[in-house]
C-alpha atoms as a PDB file:
ATOM      1  CA  MET A   1      74.009  40.161 -36.112  1.00  0.00           C
ATOM      2  CA  ALA A   2      74.356  38.873 -39.670  1.00  0.00           C
ATOM      3  CA  LEU A   3      77.717  38.961 -41.410  1.00  0.00           C
ATOM      4  CA  CYS A   4      78.197  40.754 -44.702  1.00  0.00           C
ATOM      5  CA  SER A   5      78.684  38.601 -47.793  1.00  0.00           C
ATOM      6  CA  HIS A   6      82.415  39.427 -47.897  1.00  0.00           C
ATOM      7  CA  LEU A   7      82.995  38.111 -44.371  1.00  0.00           C
ATOM      8  CA  GLU A   8      80.781  35.074 -44.999  1.00  0.00           C
ATOM      9  CA  ALA A   9      82.943  34.219 -48.030  1.00  0.00           C
ATOM     10  CA  ILE A  10      86.073  33.759 -45.865  1.00  0.00           C
ATOM     11  CA  THR A  11      86.530  30.027 -45.322  1.00  0.00           C
ATOM     12  CA  GLU A  12      90.183  30.067 -44.276  1.00  0.00           C
ATOM     13  CA  VAL A  13      91.914  33.082 -42.730  1.00  0.00           C
ATOM     14  CA  LYS A  14      95.201  34.082 -44.360  1.00  0.00           C
ATOM     15  CA  VAL A  15      97.860  34.966 -41.809  1.00  0.00           C
ATOM     16  CA  GLY A  16     100.740  37.347 -42.412  1.00  0.00           C
ATOM     17  CA  SER A  17     104.057  35.963 -43.551  1.00  0.00           C
ATOM     18  CA  GLY A  18     106.016  38.226 -41.236  1.00  0.00           C
ATOM     19  CA  HIS A  19     105.698  40.874 -38.594  1.00  0.00           C
ATOM     20  CA  VAL A  20     106.428  43.861 -40.822  1.00  0.00           C
ATOM     21  CA  CYS A  21     104.508  46.205 -43.084  1.00  0.00           C
ATOM     22  CA  GLU A  22     105.899  45.405 -46.516  1.00  0.00           C
ATOM     23  CA  GLU A  23     105.412  48.997 -47.756  1.00  0.00           C
ATOM     24  CA  CYS A  24     106.848  50.641 -44.628  1.00  0.00           C
ATOM     25  CA  VAL A  25     109.967  48.482 -44.985  1.00  0.00           C
ATOM     26  CA  LYS A  26     110.378  49.631 -48.620  1.00  0.00           C
ATOM     27  CA  HIS A  27     110.010  53.312 -47.654  1.00  0.00           C
ATOM     28  CA  HIS A  28     111.762  53.194 -44.249  1.00  0.00           C
ATOM     29  CA  GLY A  29     108.495  53.988 -42.464  1.00  0.00           C
ATOM     30  CA  LYS A  30     107.100  52.940 -39.108  1.00  0.00           C
ATOM     31  CA  TRP A  31     103.951  51.022 -38.258  1.00  0.00           C
ATOM     32  CA  LEU A  32     101.904  50.294 -35.147  1.00  0.00           C
ATOM     33  CA  HIS A  33      99.695  47.313 -36.007  1.00  0.00           C
ATOM     34  CA  LEU A  34      99.470  44.972 -38.980  1.00  0.00           C
ATOM     35  CA  ARG A  35      96.617  43.640 -41.097  1.00  0.00           C
ATOM     36  CA  THR A  36      96.620  40.860 -43.702  1.00  0.00           C
ATOM     37  CA  CYS A  37      94.515  41.149 -46.859  1.00  0.00           C
ATOM     38  CA  GLN A  38      92.245  38.139 -47.204  1.00  0.00           C
ATOM     39  CA  THR A  39      92.214  38.375 -50.992  1.00  0.00           C
ATOM     40  CA  CYS A  40      95.927  38.514 -51.840  1.00  0.00           C
ATOM     41  CA  GLY A  41      97.687  37.862 -48.500  1.00  0.00           C
ATOM     42  CA  VAL A  42      99.744  41.069 -48.343  1.00  0.00           C
ATOM     43  CA  THR A  43     100.504  42.322 -44.810  1.00  0.00           C
ATOM     44  CA  LEU A  44     100.405  46.094 -44.320  1.00  0.00           C
ATOM     45  CA  CYS A  45      99.997  48.663 -41.557  1.00  0.00           C
ATOM     46  CA  CYS A  46      96.726  49.793 -39.968  1.00  0.00           C
ATOM     47  CA  ASP A  47      95.043  53.196 -39.827  1.00  0.00           C
ATOM     48  CA  ASP A  48      96.771  54.039 -36.524  1.00  0.00           C
ATOM     49  CA  SER A  49     100.069  53.913 -38.419  1.00  0.00           C
ATOM     50  CA  PRO A  50     101.285  57.072 -40.207  1.00  0.00           C
ATOM     51  CA  ALA A  51     101.032  55.719 -43.772  1.00  0.00           C
ATOM     52  CA  LYS A  52      97.800  53.672 -43.406  1.00  0.00           C
ATOM     53  CA  HIS A  53      99.011  51.265 -46.092  1.00  0.00           C
ATOM     54  CA  MET A  54      96.213  48.703 -45.722  1.00  0.00           C
ATOM     55  CA  THR A  55      93.516  51.300 -46.317  1.00  0.00           C
ATOM     56  CA  GLN A  56      95.465  52.527 -49.339  1.00  0.00           C
ATOM     57  CA  HIS A  57      95.618  48.916 -50.548  1.00  0.00           C
ATOM     58  CA  TYR A  58      91.835  48.601 -50.218  1.00  0.00           C
ATOM     59  CA  HIS A  59      91.227  51.786 -52.224  1.00  0.00           C
ATOM     60  CA  GLU A  60      93.663  50.693 -54.952  1.00  0.00           C
ATOM     61  CA  THR A  61      92.512  47.054 -55.226  1.00  0.00           C
ATOM     62  CA  GLU A  62      89.006  46.921 -53.714  1.00  0.00           C
ATOM     63  CA  HIS A  63      90.043  43.825 -51.718  1.00  0.00           C
ATOM     64  CA  PRO A  64      87.399  44.173 -48.991  1.00  0.00           C
ATOM     65  CA  VAL A  65      88.454  41.991 -46.026  1.00  0.00           C
ATOM     66  CA  VAL A  66      91.492  42.107 -43.756  1.00  0.00           C
ATOM     67  CA  ALA A  67      92.457  40.114 -40.681  1.00  0.00           C
ATOM     68  CA  SER A  68      94.454  41.382 -37.767  1.00  0.00           C
ATOM     69  CA  ALA A  69      98.026  40.129 -38.025  1.00  0.00           C
ATOM     70  CA  GLU A  70      98.671  40.892 -34.369  1.00  0.00           C
ATOM     71  CA  PRO A  71      99.412  37.948 -32.046  1.00  0.00           C
ATOM     72  CA  GLY A  72      96.351  36.970 -30.012  1.00  0.00           C
ATOM     73  CA  GLU A  73      93.901  38.948 -32.153  1.00  0.00           C
ATOM     74  CA  ASN A  74      91.433  36.854 -34.139  1.00  0.00           C
ATOM     75  CA  TRP A  75      89.199  39.213 -36.062  1.00  0.00           C
ATOM     76  CA  LEU A  76      88.262  40.273 -39.578  1.00  0.00           C
ATOM     77  CA  TRP A  77      87.207  43.670 -40.916  1.00  0.00           C
ATOM     78  CA  CYS A  78      85.329  44.383 -44.124  1.00  0.00           C
ATOM     79  CA  TYR A  79      86.177  47.833 -45.484  1.00  0.00           C
ATOM     80  CA  LYS A  80      83.337  47.845 -48.012  1.00  0.00           C
ATOM     81  CA  ASP A  81      80.582  47.139 -45.480  1.00  0.00           C
ATOM     82  CA  ASN A  82      82.243  48.491 -42.313  1.00  0.00           C
ATOM     83  CA  ALA A  83      81.652  45.079 -40.749  1.00  0.00           C
ATOM     84  CA  PHE A  84      83.580  43.252 -38.035  1.00  0.00           C
ATOM     85  CA  ALA A  85      83.724  39.565 -37.088  1.00  0.00           C
ATOM     86  CA  GLU A  86      85.741  37.502 -34.648  1.00  0.00           C
ATOM     87  CA  TYR A  87      86.886  34.009 -35.580  1.00  0.00           C
END
């Protein structure tokens, strides 16, 4: 299966700088899993988390690709193309 152009453009995966959702910390929220934006490097919570901060980030910035920031998970997701890739 061919990768979308956004996933193909990733040459080095950005990893999260911590194990927290930066927005949840600011607003005293809770998160389940973390994702790191491959455009700007921000780490935010996933769609299984109450606030869904990473999806909000995508809609506000149009940064298309995120990586899982969970230990042992090595995958990327492109919001724009609904595409997945392991690395």
